[in-house]
């Protein structure tokens, strides 16, 4: 399963342990752009930076390869998506992974993409 940036950020907060069924899953993964988005988050403090880096070192990171790039281009052309969302959505599509996100509306329109919102399960 591919974890959206918001899941990574929330999971690395002190009250984020409840997300562990997704973040501790043996097949938990992130798109490479999630590293940029999560660590580049405005106002990040040293503890959050350290927690995010440690988390990203434990999960599978999918590179921004040619197939993902072309898929992201198509998504942006078709849906005018933000670049990060297009790359994350394209990564999930290209690798056949469900996407775990709080921002379901950013991805709902993508045909063939399974979206899971752990916040709806509370």
PDB file of N, CA and C in Angstrom:
ATOM      1  N   UNK A   1       0.835  -1.173   0.000  1.00  0.00           N
ATOM      2  CA  UNK A   1       0.000   0.000   0.000  1.00  0.00           C
ATOM      3  C   UNK A   1       0.878   1.233   0.000  1.00  0.00           C
ATOM      4  N   UNK A   2       0.424   2.249  -0.737  1.00  0.00           N
ATOM      5  CA  UNK A   2       1.178   3.494  -0.846  1.00  0.00           C
ATOM      6  C   UNK A   2       0.592   4.504   0.129  1.00  0.00           C
ATOM      7  N   UNK A   3       1.445   5.098   0.942  1.00  0.00           N
ATOM      8  CA  UNK A   3       1.020   6.070   1.941  1.00  0.00           C
ATOM      9  C   UNK A   3       1.192   7.479   1.400  1.00  0.00           C
ATOM     10  N   UNK A   4       0.116   8.248   1.440  1.00  0.00           N
ATOM     11  CA  UNK A   4       0.177   9.647   1.028  1.00  0.00           C
ATOM     12  C   UNK A   4       0.976  10.426   2.070  1.00  0.00           C
ATOM     13  N   UNK A   5       1.466  11.581   1.683  1.00  0.00           N
ATOM     14  CA  UNK A   5       2.290  12.408   2.555  1.00  0.00           C
ATOM     15  C   UNK A   5       1.582  12.750   3.858  1.00  0.00           C
ATOM     16  N   UNK A   6       0.279  13.039   3.806  1.00  0.00           N
ATOM     17  CA  UNK A   6      -0.426  13.407   5.032  1.00  0.00           C
ATOM     18  C   UNK A   6      -0.437  12.261   6.036  1.00  0.00           C
ATOM     19  N   UNK A   7      -0.449  11.035   5.577  1.00  0.00           N
ATOM     20  CA  UNK A   7      -0.412   9.882   6.479  1.00  0.00           C
ATOM     21  C   UNK A   7       0.953   9.796   7.150  1.00  0.00           C
ATOM     22  N   UNK A   8       2.010  10.017   6.393  1.00  0.00           N
ATOM     23  CA  UNK A   8       3.366   9.988   6.951  1.00  0.00           C
ATOM     24  C   UNK A   8       3.520  11.068   8.010  1.00  0.00           C
ATOM     25  N   UNK A   9       3.109  12.273   7.707  1.00  0.00           N
ATOM     26  CA  UNK A   9       3.228  13.378   8.663  1.00  0.00           C
ATOM     27  C   UNK A   9       2.426  13.083   9.925  1.00  0.00           C
ATOM     28  N   UNK A  10       1.175  12.657   9.768  1.00  0.00           N
ATOM     29  CA  UNK A  10       0.336  12.361  10.937  1.00  0.00           C
ATOM     30  C   UNK A  10       0.887  11.199  11.747  1.00  0.00           C
ATOM     31  N   UNK A  11       1.401  10.178  11.087  1.00  0.00           N
ATOM     32  CA  UNK A  11       1.929   9.003  11.781  1.00  0.00           C
ATOM     33  C   UNK A  11       3.172   9.337  12.599  1.00  0.00           C
ATOM     34  N   UNK A  12       3.916  10.345  12.190  1.00  0.00           N
ATOM     35  CA  UNK A  12       5.154  10.713  12.873  1.00  0.00           C
ATOM     36  C   UNK A  12       4.934  11.692  14.024  1.00  0.00           C
ATOM     37  N   UNK A  13       3.698  12.083  14.247  1.00  0.00           N
ATOM     38  CA  UNK A  13       3.372  12.930  15.400  1.00  0.00           C
ATOM     39  C   UNK A  13       3.197  12.054  16.627  1.00  0.00           C
ATOM     40  N   UNK A  14       3.267  12.658  17.796  1.00  0.00           N
ATOM     41  CA  UNK A  14       3.183  11.890  19.040  1.00  0.00           C
ATOM     42  C   UNK A  14       1.874  11.120  19.183  1.00  0.00           C
ATOM     43  N   UNK A  15       0.793  11.617  18.600  1.00  0.00           N
ATOM     44  CA  UNK A  15      -0.493  10.923  18.702  1.00  0.00           C
ATOM     45  C   UNK A  15      -0.813  10.103  17.454  1.00  0.00           C
ATOM     46  N   UNK A  16       0.185   9.823  16.627  1.00  0.00           N
ATOM     47  CA  UNK A  16      -0.035   9.128  15.363  1.00  0.00           C
ATOM     48  C   UNK A  16       0.082   7.622  15.411  1.00  0.00           C
ATOM     49  N   UNK A  17       0.269   7.053  16.599  1.00  0.00           N
ATOM     50  CA  UNK A  17       0.454   5.605  16.705  1.00  0.00           C
ATOM     51  C   UNK A  17      -0.757   4.819  16.201  1.00  0.00           C
ATOM     52  N   UNK A  18      -1.934   5.411  16.229  1.00  0.00           N
ATOM     53  CA  UNK A  18      -3.140   4.706  15.777  1.00  0.00           C
ATOM     54  C   UNK A  18      -3.084   4.375  14.284  1.00  0.00           C
ATOM     55  N   UNK A  19      -2.184   5.024  13.540  1.00  0.00           N
ATOM     56  CA  UNK A  19      -2.029   4.737  12.109  1.00  0.00           C
ATOM     57  C   UNK A  19      -1.112   3.539  11.847  1.00  0.00           C
ATOM     58  N   UNK A  20      -0.615   2.904  12.896  1.00  0.00           N
ATOM     59  CA  UNK A  20       0.349   1.824  12.731  1.00  0.00           C
ATOM     60  C   UNK A  20      -0.142   0.633  11.900  1.00  0.00           C
ATOM     61  N   UNK A  21      -1.447   0.314  11.851  1.00  0.00           N
ATOM     62  CA  UNK A  21      -1.831  -0.779  10.949  1.00  0.00           C
ATOM     63  C   UNK A  21      -1.447  -0.505   9.490  1.00  0.00           C
ATOM     64  N   UNK A  22      -1.350   0.747   9.131  1.00  0.00           N
ATOM     65  CA  UNK A  22      -0.955   1.105   7.760  1.00  0.00           C
ATOM     66  C   UNK A  22       0.548   1.366   7.687  1.00  0.00           C
ATOM     67  N   UNK A  23       1.084   2.105   8.635  1.00  0.00           N
ATOM     68  CA  UNK A  23       2.488   2.495   8.551  1.00  0.00           C
ATOM     69  C   UNK A  23       3.446   1.356   8.896  1.00  0.00           C
ATOM     70  N   UNK A  24       2.999   0.407   9.702  1.00  0.00           N
ATOM     71  CA  UNK A  24       3.852  -0.713  10.091  1.00  0.00           C
ATOM     72  C   UNK A  24       3.623  -1.954   9.233  1.00  0.00           C
ATOM     73  N   UNK A  25       2.741  -1.832   8.266  1.00  0.00           N
ATOM     74  CA  UNK A  25       2.454  -2.957   7.370  1.00  0.00           C
ATOM     75  C   UNK A  25       3.735  -3.330   6.622  1.00  0.00           C
ATOM     76  N   UNK A  26       4.017  -4.615   6.448  1.00  0.00           N
ATOM     77  CA  UNK A  26       5.265  -5.009   5.777  1.00  0.00           C
ATOM     78  C   UNK A  26       5.392  -4.499   4.343  1.00  0.00           C
ATOM     79  N   UNK A  27       4.276  -4.167   3.715  1.00  0.00           N
ATOM     80  CA  UNK A  27       4.327  -3.661   2.349  1.00  0.00           C
ATOM     81  C   UNK A  27       4.054  -2.154   2.277  1.00  0.00           C
ATOM     82  N   UNK A  28       4.171  -1.458   3.401  1.00  0.00           N
ATOM     83  CA  UNK A  28       3.988  -0.003   3.413  1.00  0.00           C
ATOM     84  C   UNK A  28       5.051   0.644   2.533  1.00  0.00           C
ATOM     85  N   UNK A  29       4.611   1.581   1.711  1.00  0.00           N
ATOM     86  CA  UNK A  29       5.514   2.226   0.759  1.00  0.00           C
ATOM     87  C   UNK A  29       5.134   3.687   0.591  1.00  0.00           C
ATOM     88  N   UNK A  30       6.050   4.446   0.027  1.00  0.00           N
ATOM     89  CA  UNK A  30       5.811   5.860  -0.283  1.00  0.00           C
ATOM     90  C   UNK A  30       6.401   6.169  -1.655  1.00  0.00           C
ATOM     91  N   UNK A  31       5.825   7.152  -2.301  1.00  0.00           N
ATOM     92  CA  UNK A  31       6.422   7.689  -3.517  1.00  0.00           C
ATOM     93  C   UNK A  31       7.601   8.563  -3.104  1.00  0.00           C
ATOM     94  N   UNK A  32       8.603   8.652  -3.940  1.00  0.00           N
ATOM     95  CA  UNK A  32       9.788   9.443  -3.598  1.00  0.00           C
ATOM     96  C   UNK A  32       9.441  10.908  -3.323  1.00  0.00           C
ATOM     97  N   UNK A  33       8.414  11.431  -3.975  1.00  0.00           N
ATOM     98  CA  UNK A  33       8.028  12.821  -3.764  1.00  0.00           C
ATOM     99  C   UNK A  33       7.517  13.051  -2.340  1.00  0.00           C
ATOM    100  N   UNK A  34       7.070  12.002  -1.668  1.00  0.00           N
ATOM    101  CA  UNK A  34       6.615  12.137  -0.292  1.00  0.00           C
ATOM    102  C   UNK A  34       7.759  12.592   0.610  1.00  0.00           C
ATOM    103  N   UNK A  35       8.950  12.156   0.301  1.00  0.00           N
ATOM    104  CA  UNK A  35      10.110  12.614   1.087  1.00  0.00           C
ATOM    105  C   UNK A  35      10.260  14.128   0.978  1.00  0.00           C
ATOM    106  N   UNK A  36      10.133  14.656  -0.215  1.00  0.00           N
ATOM    107  CA  UNK A  36      10.243  16.101  -0.432  1.00  0.00           C
ATOM    108  C   UNK A  36       9.098  16.834   0.267  1.00  0.00           C
ATOM    109  N   UNK A  37       7.884  16.330   0.082  1.00  0.00           N
ATOM    110  CA  UNK A  37       6.721  16.995   0.666  1.00  0.00           C
ATOM    111  C   UNK A  37       6.766  16.967   2.195  1.00  0.00           C
ATOM    112  N   UNK A  38       7.037  15.805   2.780  1.00  0.00           N
ATOM    113  CA  UNK A  38       6.992  15.677   4.234  1.00  0.00           C
ATOM    114  C   UNK A  38       8.123  16.443   4.916  1.00  0.00           C
ATOM    115  N   UNK A  39       9.336  16.322   4.398  1.00  0.00           N
ATOM    116  CA  UNK A  39      10.468  17.012   5.018  1.00  0.00           C
ATOM    117  C   UNK A  39      10.495  18.495   4.678  1.00  0.00           C
ATOM    118  N   UNK A  40       9.823  18.872   3.604  1.00  0.00           N
ATOM    119  CA  UNK A  40       9.758  20.276   3.218  1.00  0.00           C
ATOM    120  C   UNK A  40       8.562  20.997   3.804  1.00  0.00           C
ATOM    121  N   UNK A  41       7.830  20.327   4.679  1.00  0.00           N
ATOM    122  CA  UNK A  41       6.639  20.894   5.309  1.00  0.00           C
ATOM    123  C   UNK A  41       7.020  22.141   6.104  1.00  0.00           C
ATOM    124  N   UNK A  42       6.331  23.252   5.835  1.00  0.00           N
ATOM    125  CA  UNK A  42       6.624  24.517   6.519  1.00  0.00           C
ATOM    126  C   UNK A  42       6.422  24.367   8.024  1.00  0.00           C
ATOM    127  N   UNK A  43       7.380  24.818   8.777  1.00  0.00           N
ATOM    128  CA  UNK A  43       7.258  24.791  10.230  1.00  0.00           C
ATOM    129  C   UNK A  43       7.668  23.484  10.872  1.00  0.00           C
ATOM    130  N   UNK A  44       8.256  22.579  10.114  1.00  0.00           N
ATOM    131  CA  UNK A  44       8.688  21.300  10.686  1.00  0.00           C
ATOM    132  C   UNK A  44       9.769  21.552  11.735  1.00  0.00           C
ATOM    133  N   UNK A  45       9.663  20.858  12.860  1.00  0.00           N
ATOM    134  CA  UNK A  45      10.694  21.024  13.885  1.00  0.00           C
ATOM    135  C   UNK A  45      11.683  19.858  13.812  1.00  0.00           C
ATOM    136  N   UNK A  46      12.740  19.942  14.598  1.00  0.00           N
ATOM    137  CA  UNK A  46      13.816  18.941  14.526  1.00  0.00           C
ATOM    138  C   UNK A  46      13.315  17.543  14.873  1.00  0.00           C
ATOM    139  N   UNK A  47      12.440  17.431  15.848  1.00  0.00           N
ATOM    140  CA  UNK A  47      11.906  16.126  16.225  1.00  0.00           C
ATOM    141  C   UNK A  47      11.070  15.511  15.128  1.00  0.00           C
ATOM    142  N   UNK A  48      10.239  16.324  14.498  1.00  0.00           N
ATOM    143  CA  UNK A  48       9.413  15.838  13.390  1.00  0.00           C
ATOM    144  C   UNK A  48      10.285  15.419  12.215  1.00  0.00           C
ATOM    145  N   UNK A  49      11.295  16.227  11.916  1.00  0.00           N
ATOM    146  CA  UNK A  49      12.228  15.907  10.833  1.00  0.00           C
ATOM    147  C   UNK A  49      12.879  14.554  11.089  1.00  0.00           C
ATOM    148  N   UNK A  50      13.352  14.351  12.298  1.00  0.00           N
ATOM    149  CA  UNK A  50      14.011  13.087  12.660  1.00  0.00           C
ATOM    150  C   UNK A  50      13.038  11.913  12.554  1.00  0.00           C
ATOM    151  N   UNK A  51      11.811  12.094  13.040  1.00  0.00           N
ATOM    152  CA  UNK A  51      10.815  11.010  12.997  1.00  0.00           C
ATOM    153  C   UNK A  51      10.446  10.650  11.563  1.00  0.00           C
ATOM    154  N   UNK A  52      10.283  11.660  10.715  1.00  0.00           N
ATOM    155  CA  UNK A  52       9.928  11.412   9.312  1.00  0.00           C
ATOM    156  C   UNK A  52      11.071  10.706   8.587  1.00  0.00           C
ATOM    157  N   UNK A  53      12.298  11.175   8.808  1.00  0.00           N
ATOM    158  CA  UNK A  53      13.455  10.529   8.180  1.00  0.00           C
ATOM    159  C   UNK A  53      13.580   9.061   8.610  1.00  0.00           C
ATOM    160  N   UNK A  54      13.393   8.811   9.891  1.00  0.00           N
ATOM    161  CA  UNK A  54      13.472   7.436  10.393  1.00  0.00           C
ATOM    162  C   UNK A  54      12.376   6.581   9.769  1.00  0.00           C
ATOM    163  N   UNK A  55      11.172   7.129   9.680  1.00  0.00           N
ATOM    164  CA  UNK A  55      10.069   6.387   9.084  1.00  0.00           C
ATOM    165  C   UNK A  55      10.361   6.070   7.621  1.00  0.00           C
ATOM    166  N   UNK A  56      10.803   7.060   6.861  1.00  0.00           N
ATOM    167  CA  UNK A  56      11.059   6.859   5.429  1.00  0.00           C
ATOM    168  C   UNK A  56      12.198   5.876   5.181  1.00  0.00           C
ATOM    169  N   UNK A  57      13.089   5.724   6.150  1.00  0.00           N
ATOM    170  CA  UNK A  57      14.161   4.733   6.017  1.00  0.00           C
ATOM    171  C   UNK A  57      13.661   3.312   6.221  1.00  0.00           C
ATOM    172  N   UNK A  58      12.458   3.163   6.762  1.00  0.00           N
ATOM    173  CA  UNK A  58      11.910   1.840   7.062  1.00  0.00           C
ATOM    174  C   UNK A  58      10.930   1.322   6.008  1.00  0.00           C
ATOM    175  N   UNK A  59      10.422   2.196   5.156  1.00  0.00           N
ATOM    176  CA  UNK A  59       9.423   1.775   4.174  1.00  0.00           C
ATOM    177  C   UNK A  59      10.043   1.702   2.779  1.00  0.00           C
ATOM    178  N   UNK A  60       9.319   1.057   1.891  1.00  0.00           N
ATOM    179  CA  UNK A  60       9.714   0.992   0.490  1.00  0.00           C
ATOM    180  C   UNK A  60       9.509   2.380  -0.113  1.00  0.00           C
ATOM    181  N   UNK A  61      10.491   2.894  -0.822  1.00  0.00           N
ATOM    182  CA  UNK A  61      10.354   4.173  -1.532  1.00  0.00           C
ATOM    183  C   UNK A  61      10.402   3.897  -3.028  1.00  0.00           C
ATOM    184  N   UNK A  62       9.322   4.246  -3.710  1.00  0.00           N
ATOM    185  CA  UNK A  62       9.263   4.058  -5.153  1.00  0.00           C
ATOM    186  C   UNK A  62       9.839   5.279  -5.859  1.00  0.00           C
ATOM    187  N   UNK A  63      10.790   5.025  -6.734  1.00  0.00           N
ATOM    188  CA  UNK A  63      11.469   6.096  -7.461  1.00  0.00           C
ATOM    189  C   UNK A  63      10.556   6.709  -8.514  1.00  0.00           C
ATOM    190  N   UNK A  64      10.904   7.889  -8.901  1.00  0.00           N
ATOM    191  CA  UNK A  64      10.196   8.602  -9.960  1.00  0.00           C
ATOM    192  C   UNK A  64      10.787   8.133 -11.293  1.00  0.00           C
ATOM    193  N   UNK A  65      10.290   6.993 -11.778  1.00  0.00           N
ATOM    194  CA  UNK A  65      10.804   6.426 -13.023  1.00  0.00           C
ATOM    195  C   UNK A  65       9.973   6.905 -14.217  1.00  0.00           C
ATOM    196  N   UNK A  66      10.361   6.478 -15.394  1.00  0.00           N
ATOM    197  CA  UNK A  66       9.734   6.956 -16.635  1.00  0.00           C
ATOM    198  C   UNK A  66       8.236   6.636 -16.690  1.00  0.00           C
ATOM    199  N   UNK A  67       7.850   5.449 -16.248  1.00  0.00           N
ATOM    200  CA  UNK A  67       6.431   5.070 -16.279  1.00  0.00           C
ATOM    201  C   UNK A  67       5.600   5.951 -15.354  1.00  0.00           C
ATOM    202  N   UNK A  68       6.122   6.211 -14.161  1.00  0.00           N
ATOM    203  CA  UNK A  68       5.421   7.078 -13.211  1.00  0.00           C
ATOM    204  C   UNK A  68       5.345   8.500 -13.763  1.00  0.00           C
ATOM    205  N   UNK A  69       6.425   8.976 -14.350  1.00  0.00           N
ATOM    206  CA  UNK A  69       6.427  10.325 -14.930  1.00  0.00           C
ATOM    207  C   UNK A  69       5.342  10.446 -15.996  1.00  0.00           C
ATOM    208  N   UNK A  70       5.293   9.500 -16.923  1.00  0.00           N
ATOM    209  CA  UNK A  70       4.297   9.569 -17.995  1.00  0.00           C
ATOM    210  C   UNK A  70       2.869   9.476 -17.452  1.00  0.00           C
ATOM    211  N   UNK A  71       2.676   8.638 -16.454  1.00  0.00           N
ATOM    212  CA  UNK A  71       1.355   8.523 -15.835  1.00  0.00           C
ATOM    213  C   UNK A  71       0.982   9.823 -15.131  1.00  0.00           C
ATOM    214  N   UNK A  72       1.932  10.434 -14.440  1.00  0.00           N
ATOM    215  CA  UNK A  72       1.681  11.713 -13.758  1.00  0.00           C
ATOM    216  C   UNK A  72       1.368  12.820 -14.758  1.00  0.00           C
ATOM    217  N   UNK A  73       2.051  12.821 -15.881  1.00  0.00           N
ATOM    218  CA  UNK A  73       1.770  13.807 -16.937  1.00  0.00           C
ATOM    219  C   UNK A  73       0.322  13.667 -17.397  1.00  0.00           C
ATOM    220  N   UNK A  74      -0.096  12.433 -17.655  1.00  0.00           N
ATOM    221  CA  UNK A  74      -1.478  12.204 -18.091  1.00  0.00           C
ATOM    222  C   UNK A  74      -2.487  12.661 -17.035  1.00  0.00           C
ATOM    223  N   UNK A  75      -2.207  12.360 -15.781  1.00  0.00           N
ATOM    224  CA  UNK A  75      -3.120  12.774 -14.710  1.00  0.00           C
ATOM    225  C   UNK A  75      -3.219  14.299 -14.627  1.00  0.00           C
ATOM    226  N   UNK A  76      -2.090  14.965 -14.739  1.00  0.00           N
ATOM    227  CA  UNK A  76      -2.104  16.442 -14.682  1.00  0.00           C
ATOM    228  C   UNK A  76      -2.838  17.029 -15.879  1.00  0.00           C
ATOM    229  N   UNK A  77      -2.649  16.445 -17.047  1.00  0.00           N
ATOM    230  CA  UNK A  77      -3.341  16.934 -18.237  1.00  0.00           C
ATOM    231  C   UNK A  77      -4.843  16.723 -18.124  1.00  0.00           C
ATOM    232  N   UNK A  78      -5.222  15.571 -17.633  1.00  0.00           N
ATOM    233  CA  UNK A  78      -6.636  15.215 -17.567  1.00  0.00           C
ATOM    234  C   UNK A  78      -7.359  15.893 -16.414  1.00  0.00           C
ATOM    235  N   UNK A  79      -6.706  16.005 -15.259  1.00  0.00           N
ATOM    236  CA  UNK A  79      -7.398  16.457 -14.055  1.00  0.00           C
ATOM    237  C   UNK A  79      -6.828  17.730 -13.448  1.00  0.00           C
ATOM    238  N   UNK A  80      -5.764  18.288 -14.010  1.00  0.00           N
ATOM    239  CA  UNK A  80      -5.136  19.490 -13.477  1.00  0.00           C
ATOM    240  C   UNK A  80      -4.760  19.337 -12.002  1.00  0.00           C
ATOM    241  N   UNK A  81      -4.182  18.210 -11.703  1.00  0.00           N
ATOM    242  CA  UNK A  81      -3.787  17.891 -10.336  1.00  0.00           C
ATOM    243  C   UNK A  81      -2.518  18.628  -9.945  1.00  0.00           C
ATOM    244  N   UNK A  82      -2.340  18.821  -8.638  1.00  0.00           N
ATOM    245  CA  UNK A  82      -1.084  19.332  -8.121  1.00  0.00           C
ATOM    246  C   UNK A  82       0.002  18.315  -8.459  1.00  0.00           C
ATOM    247  N   UNK A  83       1.212  18.792  -8.651  1.00  0.00           N
ATOM    248  CA  UNK A  83       2.308  17.919  -9.070  1.00  0.00           C
ATOM    249  C   UNK A  83       2.523  16.763  -8.094  1.00  0.00           C
ATOM    250  N   UNK A  84       2.625  17.050  -6.801  1.00  0.00           N
ATOM    251  CA  UNK A  84       2.853  15.993  -5.821  1.00  0.00           C
ATOM    252  C   UNK A  84       1.752  14.950  -5.840  1.00  0.00           C
ATOM    253  N   UNK A  85       0.500  15.389  -5.891  1.00  0.00           N
ATOM    254  CA  UNK A  85      -0.629  14.454  -5.936  1.00  0.00           C
ATOM    255  C   UNK A  85      -0.595  13.609  -7.199  1.00  0.00           C
ATOM    256  N   UNK A  86      -0.242  14.223  -8.318  1.00  0.00           N
ATOM    257  CA  UNK A  86      -0.171  13.476  -9.574  1.00  0.00           C
ATOM    258  C   UNK A  86       0.912  12.393  -9.508  1.00  0.00           C
ATOM    259  N   UNK A  87       2.052  12.717  -8.925  1.00  0.00           N
ATOM    260  CA  UNK A  87       3.128  11.739  -8.806  1.00  0.00           C
ATOM    261  C   UNK A  87       2.730  10.619  -7.855  1.00  0.00           C
ATOM    262  N   UNK A  88       2.100  10.955  -6.752  1.00  0.00           N
ATOM    263  CA  UNK A  88       1.673   9.938  -5.792  1.00  0.00           C
ATOM    264  C   UNK A  88       0.597   9.053  -6.409  1.00  0.00           C
ATOM    265  N   UNK A  89      -0.397   9.653  -7.049  1.00  0.00           N
ATOM    266  CA  UNK A  89      -1.439   8.876  -7.718  1.00  0.00           C
ATOM    267  C   UNK A  89      -0.871   7.996  -8.810  1.00  0.00           C
ATOM    268  N   UNK A  90       0.043   8.537  -9.605  1.00  0.00           N
ATOM    269  CA  UNK A  90       0.663   7.775 -10.691  1.00  0.00           C
ATOM    270  C   UNK A  90       1.494   6.618 -10.144  1.00  0.00           C
ATOM    271  N   UNK A  91       2.192   6.841  -9.043  1.00  0.00           N
ATOM    272  CA  UNK A  91       2.982   5.776  -8.433  1.00  0.00           C
ATOM    273  C   UNK A  91       2.076   4.635  -7.993  1.00  0.00           C
ATOM    274  N   UNK A  92       0.964   4.965  -7.338  1.00  0.00           N
ATOM    275  CA  UNK A  92       0.018   3.932  -6.905  1.00  0.00           C
ATOM    276  C   UNK A  92      -0.531   3.169  -8.104  1.00  0.00           C
ATOM    277  N   UNK A  93      -0.894   3.877  -9.155  1.00  0.00           N
ATOM    278  CA  UNK A  93      -1.429   3.225 -10.351  1.00  0.00           C
ATOM    279  C   UNK A  93      -0.399   2.317 -11.004  1.00  0.00           C
ATOM    280  N   UNK A  94       0.795   2.830 -11.211  1.00  0.00           N
ATOM    281  CA  UNK A  94       1.823   2.082 -11.930  1.00  0.00           C
ATOM    282  C   UNK A  94       2.264   0.824 -11.191  1.00  0.00           C
ATOM    283  N   UNK A  95       2.225   0.848  -9.870  1.00  0.00           N
ATOM    284  CA  UNK A  95       2.646  -0.310  -9.095  1.00  0.00           C
ATOM    285  C   UNK A  95       1.457  -1.131  -8.582  1.00  0.00           C
ATOM    286  N   UNK A  96       0.243  -0.727  -8.954  1.00  0.00           N
ATOM    287  CA  UNK A  96      -0.949  -1.478  -8.574  1.00  0.00           C
ATOM    288  C   UNK A  96      -1.205  -1.493  -7.077  1.00  0.00           C
ATOM    289  N   UNK A  97      -0.961  -0.375  -6.422  1.00  0.00           N
ATOM    290  CA  UNK A  97      -1.087  -0.286  -4.968  1.00  0.00           C
ATOM    291  C   UNK A  97      -2.302   0.536  -4.564  1.00  0.00           C
ATOM    292  N   UNK A  98      -2.985   0.142  -3.486  1.00  0.00           N
ATOM    293  CA  UNK A  98      -4.019   1.025  -2.936  1.00  0.00           C
ATOM    294  C   UNK A  98      -3.328   2.230  -2.300  1.00  0.00           C
ATOM    295  N   UNK A  99      -3.986   3.370  -2.328  1.00  0.00           N
ATOM    296  CA  UNK A  99      -3.441   4.602  -1.764  1.00  0.00           C
ATOM    297  C   UNK A  99      -4.136   4.894  -0.446  1.00  0.00           C
ATOM    298  N   UNK A 100      -3.352   5.053   0.599  1.00  0.00           N
ATOM    299  CA  UNK A 100      -3.874   5.396   1.922  1.00  0.00           C
ATOM    300  C   UNK A 100      -3.684   6.893   2.110  1.00  0.00           C
ATOM    301  N   UNK A 101      -4.804   7.621   2.249  1.00  0.00           N
ATOM    302  CA  UNK A 101      -4.763   9.073   2.339  1.00  0.00           C
ATOM    303  C   UNK A 101      -5.935   9.610   3.133  1.00  0.00           C
ATOM    304  N   UNK A 102      -5.730  10.770   3.700  1.00  0.00           N
ATOM    305  CA  UNK A 102      -6.832  11.495   4.335  1.00  0.00           C
ATOM    306  C   UNK A 102      -7.527  12.356   3.287  1.00  0.00           C
ATOM    307  N   UNK A 103      -6.837  12.684   2.219  1.00  0.00           N
ATOM    308  CA  UNK A 103      -7.335  13.597   1.186  1.00  0.00           C
ATOM    309  C   UNK A 103      -7.945  12.828   0.019  1.00  0.00           C
ATOM    310  N   UNK A 104      -9.002  12.119   0.295  1.00  0.00           N
ATOM    311  CA  UNK A 104      -9.658  11.275  -0.699  1.00  0.00           C
ATOM    312  C   UNK A 104     -10.093  12.074  -1.921  1.00  0.00           C
ATOM    313  N   UNK A 105     -10.592  13.278  -1.716  1.00  0.00           N
ATOM    314  CA  UNK A 105     -11.087  14.082  -2.838  1.00  0.00           C
ATOM    315  C   UNK A 105     -10.003  14.410  -3.860  1.00  0.00           C
ATOM    316  N   UNK A 106      -8.744  14.416  -3.442  1.00  0.00           N
ATOM    317  CA  UNK A 106      -7.648  14.697  -4.374  1.00  0.00           C
ATOM    318  C   UNK A 106      -7.430  13.559  -5.364  1.00  0.00           C
ATOM    319  N   UNK A 107      -7.952  12.362  -5.052  1.00  0.00           N
ATOM    320  CA  UNK A 107      -7.666  11.179  -5.854  1.00  0.00           C
ATOM    321  C   UNK A 107      -8.911  10.438  -6.328  1.00  0.00           C
ATOM    322  N   UNK A 108     -10.066  10.804  -5.841  1.00  0.00           N
ATOM    323  CA  UNK A 108     -11.318  10.084  -6.095  1.00  0.00           C
ATOM    324  C   UNK A 108     -11.609   9.904  -7.588  1.00  0.00           C
ATOM    325  N   UNK A 109     -11.228  10.859  -8.385  1.00  0.00           N
ATOM    326  CA  UNK A 109     -11.549  10.868  -9.815  1.00  0.00           C
ATOM    327  C   UNK A 109     -10.644   9.959 -10.658  1.00  0.00           C
ATOM    328  N   UNK A 110      -9.615   9.380 -10.066  1.00  0.00           N
ATOM    329  CA  UNK A 110      -8.662   8.579 -10.826  1.00  0.00           C
ATOM    330  C   UNK A 110      -9.206   7.160 -10.997  1.00  0.00           C
ATOM    331  N   UNK A 111      -9.522   6.824 -12.210  1.00  0.00           N
ATOM    332  CA  UNK A 111     -10.069   5.508 -12.533  1.00  0.00           C
ATOM    333  C   UNK A 111      -9.044   4.418 -12.243  1.00  0.00           C
ATOM    334  N   UNK A 112      -9.491   3.367 -11.563  1.00  0.00           N
ATOM    335  CA  UNK A 112      -8.627   2.233 -11.290  1.00  0.00           C
ATOM    336  C   UNK A 112      -7.795   2.363 -10.036  1.00  0.00           C
ATOM    337  N   UNK A 113      -7.907   3.468  -9.326  1.00  0.00           N
ATOM    338  CA  UNK A 113      -7.127   3.679  -8.109  1.00  0.00           C
ATOM    339  C   UNK A 113      -7.993   3.394  -6.886  1.00  0.00           C
ATOM    340  N   UNK A 114      -7.563   2.463  -6.065  1.00  0.00           N
ATOM    341  CA  UNK A 114      -8.257   2.179  -4.803  1.00  0.00           C
ATOM    342  C   UNK A 114      -7.736   3.152  -3.754  1.00  0.00           C
ATOM    343  N   UNK A 115      -8.644   3.875  -3.119  1.00  0.00           N
ATOM    344  CA  UNK A 115      -8.279   4.874  -2.117  1.00  0.00           C
ATOM    345  C   UNK A 115      -8.851   4.448  -0.766  1.00  0.00           C
ATOM    346  N   UNK A 116      -8.012   4.463   0.253  1.00  0.00           N
ATOM    347  CA  UNK A 116      -8.403   4.098   1.619  1.00  0.00           C
ATOM    348  C   UNK A 116      -8.172   5.311   2.514  1.00  0.00           C
ATOM    349  N   UNK A 117      -9.198   5.681   3.283  1.00  0.00           N
ATOM    350  CA  UNK A 117      -9.084   6.789   4.220  1.00  0.00           C
ATOM    351  C   UNK A 117      -9.187   6.239   5.642  1.00  0.00           C
ATOM    352  N   UNK A 118      -8.056   6.088   6.348  1.00  0.00           N
ATOM    353  CA  UNK A 118      -8.116   5.547   7.706  1.00  0.00           C
ATOM    354  C   UNK A 118      -8.888   6.444   8.669  1.00  0.00           C
ATOM    355  N   UNK A 119      -9.011   7.721   8.356  1.00  0.00           N
ATOM    356  CA  UNK A 119      -9.732   8.645   9.222  1.00  0.00           C
ATOM    357  C   UNK A 119     -11.234   8.392   9.190  1.00  0.00           C
ATOM    358  N   UNK A 120     -11.734   7.771   8.136  1.00  0.00           N
ATOM    359  CA  UNK A 120     -13.150   7.422   8.063  1.00  0.00           C
ATOM    360  C   UNK A 120     -13.454   6.191   8.904  1.00  0.00           C
ATOM    361  N   UNK A 121     -12.431   5.492   9.333  1.00  0.00           N
ATOM    362  CA  UNK A 121     -12.613   4.256  10.093  1.00  0.00           C
ATOM    363  C   UNK A 121     -12.575   4.482  11.590  1.00  0.00           C
ATOM    364  N   UNK A 122     -12.421   5.721  12.012  1.00  0.00           N
ATOM    365  CA  UNK A 122     -12.345   6.025  13.458  1.00  0.00           C
ATOM    366  C   UNK A 122     -13.681   5.820  14.122  1.00  0.00           C
TER     367      UNK A 122
END
